Amino acid sequence: MSPVGHSLTGLALGALVIPPEWSTKSKTISACVFVLLANTPDLPFPCWGHQRYDISHSLFSTAVGCVVAAAMAYFALRRRVSFPGRMITAGVIAWGSHLLLDMFYNHGKGLAMFWPYSDARLALTIPWFSHLDLSDLWSWHNIRVALVESLFYGSVLTLALFIRRYVLSDRKMPKAR
């Protein structure tokens, strides 16, 4: 998978929970954090990312990372009156979504979700999703991957924005009598 699908999924989750009354700067920073969280398992740290796919893409590592990140966010932002707890929950979901989305790709490896307890790999491939070819980043194959992900996950973002605009905004409006 490319960062396109993960990023759009993170943006969609952020769109559902970032308070509309926040400043543009706060909304932008929050959206960037959701994108970062959705891409965290692929970040190029030593012994992480695609260098150690089994570690960075396991439920165990994800759970530990989410607990640490959620605790840091809570303690850093707890004094901010308007910081909603649902943003921490959505951030955890954004990070965890990475594992689910990677299971859909036909790279032939599967996902070692249960590392270090098991080396078993899980794959729920969807035929039109393909992985990037890192040997030639600007190949037609990679452009196709980015376009397919943009269309599919862009529609997820569009749905989230629709829900935000037309469903969630109705909850705050007083009902006419």
C-alpha atoms as a PDB file:
ATOM      1  CA  MET A   1       0.000   0.000   0.000  1.00  0.00           C
ATOM      2  CA  SER A   2       1.098   3.553  -0.557  1.00  0.00           C
ATOM      3  CA  PRO A   3       0.851   6.390   1.959  1.00  0.00           C
ATOM      4  CA  VAL A   4      -2.074   7.761  -0.079  1.00  0.00           C
ATOM      5  CA  GLY A   5      -4.664   5.324   1.299  1.00  0.00           C
ATOM      6  CA  HIS A   6      -3.381   5.503   4.863  1.00  0.00           C
ATOM      7  CA  SER A   7      -3.276   9.309   4.760  1.00  0.00           C
ATOM      8  CA  LEU A   8      -6.790   9.666   3.360  1.00  0.00           C
ATOM      9  CA  THR A   9      -8.092   7.250   6.009  1.00  0.00           C
ATOM     10  CA  GLY A  10      -6.399   9.297   8.745  1.00  0.00           C
ATOM     11  CA  LEU A  11      -7.911  12.483   7.306  1.00  0.00           C
ATOM     12  CA  ALA A  12     -11.355  10.864   7.212  1.00  0.00           C
ATOM     13  CA  LEU A  13     -11.132   9.917  10.880  1.00  0.00           C
ATOM     14  CA  GLY A  14      -9.904  13.396  11.756  1.00  0.00           C
ATOM     15  CA  ALA A  15     -12.746  14.970   9.788  1.00  0.00           C
ATOM     16  CA  LEU A  16     -15.234  13.132  11.974  1.00  0.00           C
ATOM     17  CA  VAL A  17     -13.824  14.274  15.322  1.00  0.00           C
ATOM     18  CA  ILE A  18     -11.908  17.547  14.998  1.00  0.00           C
ATOM     19  CA  PRO A  19     -14.100  20.237  16.572  1.00  0.00           C
ATOM     20  CA  PRO A  20     -15.443  22.666  13.950  1.00  0.00           C
ATOM     21  CA  GLU A  21     -15.009  25.644  16.269  1.00  0.00           C
ATOM     22  CA  TRP A  22     -11.226  25.204  16.440  1.00  0.00           C
ATOM     23  CA  SER A  23      -8.987  27.641  14.584  1.00  0.00           C
ATOM     24  CA  THR A  24      -7.734  26.751  11.115  1.00  0.00           C
ATOM     25  CA  LYS A  25      -4.246  26.280  12.556  1.00  0.00           C
ATOM     26  CA  SER A  26      -5.462  23.826  15.228  1.00  0.00           C
ATOM     27  CA  LYS A  27      -7.530  21.909  12.674  1.00  0.00           C
ATOM     28  CA  THR A  28      -4.550  21.684  10.300  1.00  0.00           C
ATOM     29  CA  ILE A  29      -2.187  20.465  13.017  1.00  0.00           C
ATOM     30  CA  SER A  30      -4.763  17.920  14.185  1.00  0.00           C
ATOM     31  CA  ALA A  31      -5.336  16.655  10.635  1.00  0.00           C
ATOM     32  CA  CYS A  32      -1.561  16.234  10.198  1.00  0.00           C
ATOM     33  CA  VAL A  33      -1.413  14.236  13.440  1.00  0.00           C
ATOM     34  CA  PHE A  34      -4.167  11.912  12.166  1.00  0.00           C
ATOM     35  CA  VAL A  35      -2.255  11.402   8.905  1.00  0.00           C
ATOM     36  CA  LEU A  36       0.938  10.691  10.866  1.00  0.00           C
ATOM     37  CA  LEU A  37      -0.821   8.198  13.146  1.00  0.00           C
ATOM     38  CA  ALA A  38      -2.348   6.367  10.178  1.00  0.00           C
ATOM     39  CA  ASN A  39       1.142   6.035   8.650  1.00  0.00           C
ATOM     40  CA  THR A  40       3.050   5.248  11.870  1.00  0.00           C
ATOM     41  CA  PRO A  41       3.684   1.530  11.153  1.00  0.00           C
ATOM     42  CA  ASP A  42       5.522   2.501   7.937  1.00  0.00           C
ATOM     43  CA  LEU A  43       7.734   5.251   9.378  1.00  0.00           C
ATOM     44  CA  PRO A  44      11.420   4.698   8.569  1.00  0.00           C
ATOM     45  CA  PHE A  45      12.815   4.254  12.080  1.00  0.00           C
ATOM     46  CA  PRO A  46      15.531   1.678  12.862  1.00  0.00           C
ATOM     47  CA  CYS A  47      13.982  -1.764  13.478  1.00  0.00           C
ATOM     48  CA  TRP A  48      10.594  -0.421  12.403  1.00  0.00           C
ATOM     49  CA  GLY A  49       8.526   0.094   9.279  1.00  0.00           C
ATOM     50  CA  HIS A  50       9.180  -2.077   6.269  1.00  0.00           C
ATOM     51  CA  GLN A  51      12.615  -2.916   7.621  1.00  0.00           C
ATOM     52  CA  ARG A  52      10.896  -4.905  10.410  1.00  0.00           C
ATOM     53  CA  TYR A  53       7.389  -5.451   9.056  1.00  0.00           C
ATOM     54  CA  ASP A  54       6.685  -8.109  11.683  1.00  0.00           C
ATOM     55  CA  ILE A  55       7.286  -5.688  14.565  1.00  0.00           C
ATOM     56  CA  SER A  56       5.712  -2.505  13.228  1.00  0.00           C
ATOM     57  CA  HIS A  57       2.648  -4.257  11.840  1.00  0.00           C
ATOM     58  CA  SER A  58       1.769  -6.474  14.826  1.00  0.00           C
ATOM     59  CA  LEU A  59      -1.217  -6.043  17.112  1.00  0.00           C
ATOM     60  CA  PHE A  60       1.089  -6.172  20.125  1.00  0.00           C
ATOM     61  CA  SER A  61       3.312  -3.303  18.928  1.00  0.00           C
ATOM     62  CA  THR A  62       0.275  -1.347  17.801  1.00  0.00           C
ATOM     63  CA  ALA A  63      -1.426  -1.745  21.184  1.00  0.00           C
ATOM     64  CA  VAL A  64       1.704  -0.661  23.083  1.00  0.00           C
ATOM     65  CA  GLY A  65       2.269   2.281  20.730  1.00  0.00           C
ATOM     66  CA  CYS A  66      -1.365   3.381  20.942  1.00  0.00           C
ATOM     67  CA  VAL A  67      -1.354   3.275  24.748  1.00  0.00           C
ATOM     68  CA  VAL A  68       1.844   5.344  24.878  1.00  0.00           C
ATOM     69  CA  ALA A  69       0.601   7.841  22.259  1.00  0.00           C
ATOM     70  CA  ALA A  70      -2.833   8.149  23.920  1.00  0.00           C
ATOM     71  CA  ALA A  71      -1.246   8.736  27.351  1.00  0.00           C
ATOM     72  CA  MET A  72       1.091  11.370  25.893  1.00  0.00           C
ATOM     73  CA  ALA A  73      -1.810  13.120  24.149  1.00  0.00           C
ATOM     74  CA  TYR A  74      -3.945  13.001  27.273  1.00  0.00           C
ATOM     75  CA  PHE A  75      -1.273  14.464  29.542  1.00  0.00           C
ATOM     76  CA  ALA A  76      -0.150  17.059  26.999  1.00  0.00           C
ATOM     77  CA  LEU A  77      -3.659  18.238  26.143  1.00  0.00           C
ATOM     78  CA  ARG A  78      -5.711  17.608  29.291  1.00  0.00           C
ATOM     79  CA  ARG A  79      -5.638  21.271  30.277  1.00  0.00           C
ATOM     80  CA  ARG A  80      -7.084  22.349  26.969  1.00  0.00           C
ATOM     81  CA  VAL A  81     -10.757  22.712  27.821  1.00  0.00           C
ATOM     82  CA  SER A  82     -12.026  22.062  24.315  1.00  0.00           C
ATOM     83  CA  PHE A  83      -9.943  18.930  23.676  1.00  0.00           C
ATOM     84  CA  PRO A  84     -12.424  16.073  23.208  1.00  0.00           C
ATOM     85  CA  GLY A  85     -11.527  12.544  24.327  1.00  0.00           C
ATOM     86  CA  ARG A  86     -13.028  11.190  21.123  1.00  0.00           C
ATOM     87  CA  MET A  87      -9.964  12.548  19.318  1.00  0.00           C
ATOM     88  CA  ILE A  88      -7.732  10.165  21.278  1.00  0.00           C
ATOM     89  CA  THR A  89     -10.044   7.281  20.393  1.00  0.00           C
ATOM     90  CA  ALA A  90     -10.016   8.277  16.722  1.00  0.00           C
ATOM     91  CA  GLY A  91      -6.214   8.554  16.822  1.00  0.00           C
ATOM     92  CA  VAL A  92      -5.967   5.001  18.142  1.00  0.00           C
ATOM     93  CA  ILE A  93      -8.318   3.861  15.373  1.00  0.00           C
ATOM     94  CA  ALA A  94      -6.220   5.740  12.782  1.00  0.00           C
ATOM     95  CA  TRP A  95      -3.061   3.899  13.872  1.00  0.00           C
ATOM     96  CA  GLY A  96      -4.892   0.562  14.027  1.00  0.00           C
ATOM     97  CA  SER A  97      -6.505   1.126  10.624  1.00  0.00           C
ATOM     98  CA  HIS A  98      -3.068   0.723   9.090  1.00  0.00           C
ATOM     99  CA  LEU A  99      -3.049  -2.990   9.907  1.00  0.00           C
ATOM    100  CA  LEU A 100      -6.507  -3.578   8.468  1.00  0.00           C
ATOM    101  CA  LEU A 101      -5.746  -1.696   5.264  1.00  0.00           C
ATOM    102  CA  ASP A 102      -2.435  -3.510   4.724  1.00  0.00           C
ATOM    103  CA  MET A 103      -4.246  -6.864   4.893  1.00  0.00           C
ATOM    104  CA  PHE A 104      -6.167  -5.903   1.740  1.00  0.00           C
ATOM    105  CA  TYR A 105      -3.057  -5.726  -0.452  1.00  0.00           C
ATOM    106  CA  ASN A 106      -1.766  -8.515  -2.648  1.00  0.00           C
ATOM    107  CA  HIS A 107       1.947  -8.234  -1.910  1.00  0.00           C
ATOM    108  CA  GLY A 108       2.070 -11.947  -1.159  1.00  0.00           C
ATOM    109  CA  LYS A 109       3.499 -11.576   2.345  1.00  0.00           C
ATOM    110  CA  GLY A 110       0.431 -11.271   4.497  1.00  0.00           C
ATOM    111  CA  LEU A 111       0.532  -9.455   7.792  1.00  0.00           C
ATOM    112  CA  ALA A 112       2.278 -10.953  10.835  1.00  0.00           C
ATOM    113  CA  MET A 113      -0.316  -9.425  13.132  1.00  0.00           C
ATOM    114  CA  PHE A 114       0.298 -11.788  16.003  1.00  0.00           C
ATOM    115  CA  TRP A 115       4.063 -11.291  16.316  1.00  0.00           C
ATOM    116  CA  PRO A 116       5.848 -12.097  18.703  1.00  0.00           C
ATOM    117  CA  TYR A 117       3.403 -14.848  19.664  1.00  0.00           C
ATOM    118  CA  SER A 118       3.047 -16.324  16.211  1.00  0.00           C
ATOM    119  CA  ASP A 119       4.736 -16.049  12.818  1.00  0.00           C
ATOM    120  CA  ALA A 120       1.435 -16.782  11.074  1.00  0.00           C
ATOM    121  CA  ARG A 121       0.482 -14.231   8.442  1.00  0.00           C
ATOM    122  CA  LEU A 122      -2.970 -12.984   7.558  1.00  0.00           C
ATOM    123  CA  ALA A 123      -4.027 -11.662   4.151  1.00  0.00           C
ATOM    124  CA  LEU A 124      -7.508 -10.617   3.032  1.00  0.00           C
ATOM    125  CA  THR A 125      -6.510  -9.492  -0.443  1.00  0.00           C
ATOM    126  CA  ILE A 126      -8.721  -7.396  -2.678  1.00  0.00           C
ATOM    127  CA  PRO A 127      -7.629  -7.808  -6.320  1.00  0.00           C
ATOM    128  CA  TRP A 128      -7.553  -4.158  -7.382  1.00  0.00           C
ATOM    129  CA  PHE A 129      -5.294  -3.121  -4.490  1.00  0.00           C
ATOM    130  CA  SER A 130      -1.601  -3.519  -5.165  1.00  0.00           C
ATOM    131  CA  HIS A 131       1.578  -2.535  -3.365  1.00  0.00           C
ATOM    132  CA  LEU A 132       4.148  -0.005  -4.501  1.00  0.00           C
ATOM    133  CA  ASP A 133       7.212  -1.056  -6.478  1.00  0.00           C
ATOM    134  CA  LEU A 134       9.975   0.733  -4.609  1.00  0.00           C
ATOM    135  CA  SER A 135      12.579   0.068  -7.294  1.00  0.00           C
ATOM    136  CA  ASP A 136      10.963   2.627  -9.631  1.00  0.00           C
ATOM    137  CA  LEU A 137       8.785   5.117  -7.759  1.00  0.00           C
ATOM    138  CA  TRP A 138       7.496   6.885 -10.887  1.00  0.00           C
ATOM    139  CA  SER A 139       6.482   3.757 -12.772  1.00  0.00           C
ATOM    140  CA  TRP A 140       3.038   3.375 -14.333  1.00  0.00           C
ATOM    141  CA  HIS A 141       2.350   0.644 -11.798  1.00  0.00           C
ATOM    142  CA  ASN A 142       2.909   3.053  -8.878  1.00  0.00           C
ATOM    143  CA  ILE A 143       0.871   5.783 -10.543  1.00  0.00           C
ATOM    144  CA  ARG A 144      -1.975   3.279 -10.947  1.00  0.00           C
ATOM    145  CA  VAL A 145      -1.649   2.267  -7.266  1.00  0.00           C
ATOM    146  CA  ALA A 146      -1.862   5.929  -6.187  1.00  0.00           C
ATOM    147  CA  LEU A 147      -4.859   6.592  -8.460  1.00  0.00           C
ATOM    148  CA  VAL A 148      -6.793   3.519  -7.258  1.00  0.00           C
ATOM    149  CA  GLU A 149      -6.121   4.456  -3.635  1.00  0.00           C
ATOM    150  CA  SER A 150      -7.031   8.097  -4.287  1.00  0.00           C
ATOM    151  CA  LEU A 151     -10.355   7.103  -5.798  1.00  0.00           C
ATOM    152  CA  PHE A 152     -11.246   4.487  -3.196  1.00  0.00           C
ATOM    153  CA  TYR A 153     -10.013   6.193  -0.023  1.00  0.00           C
ATOM    154  CA  GLY A 154     -10.930   9.621  -1.389  1.00  0.00           C
ATOM    155  CA  SER A 155     -14.531   8.397  -1.443  1.00  0.00           C
ATOM    156  CA  VAL A 156     -14.121   7.350   2.211  1.00  0.00           C
ATOM    157  CA  LEU A 157     -12.928  10.883   3.012  1.00  0.00           C
ATOM    158  CA  THR A 158     -15.837  12.336   1.028  1.00  0.00           C
ATOM    159  CA  LEU A 159     -18.265  10.173   3.004  1.00  0.00           C
ATOM    160  CA  ALA A 160     -16.686  11.330   6.290  1.00  0.00           C
ATOM    161  CA  LEU A 161     -16.998  14.972   5.217  1.00  0.00           C
ATOM    162  CA  PHE A 162     -20.624  14.367   4.235  1.00  0.00           C
ATOM    163  CA  ILE A 163     -21.333  12.795   7.635  1.00  0.00           C
ATOM    164  CA  ARG A 164     -19.575  15.683   9.345  1.00  0.00           C
ATOM    165  CA  ARG A 165     -21.531  18.289   7.392  1.00  0.00           C
ATOM    166  CA  TYR A 166     -25.001  16.788   7.223  1.00  0.00           C
ATOM    167  CA  VAL A 167     -25.292  14.235  10.018  1.00  0.00           C
ATOM    168  CA  LEU A 168     -23.118  15.422  12.890  1.00  0.00           C
ATOM    169  CA  SER A 169     -23.953  19.099  12.409  1.00  0.00           C
ATOM    170  CA  ASP A 170     -27.666  18.317  12.892  1.00  0.00           C
ATOM    171  CA  ARG A 171     -27.015  17.109  16.435  1.00  0.00           C
ATOM    172  CA  LYS A 172     -25.946  20.564  17.537  1.00  0.00           C
ATOM    173  CA  MET A 173     -28.811  22.426  15.922  1.00  0.00           C
ATOM    174  CA  PRO A 174     -31.914  23.111  18.024  1.00  0.00           C
ATOM    175  CA  LYS A 175     -34.911  21.400  16.521  1.00  0.00           C
ATOM    176  CA  ALA A 176     -37.645  23.600  15.065  1.00  0.00           C
ATOM    177  CA  ARG A 177     -41.062  23.307  16.661  1.00  0.00           C
END
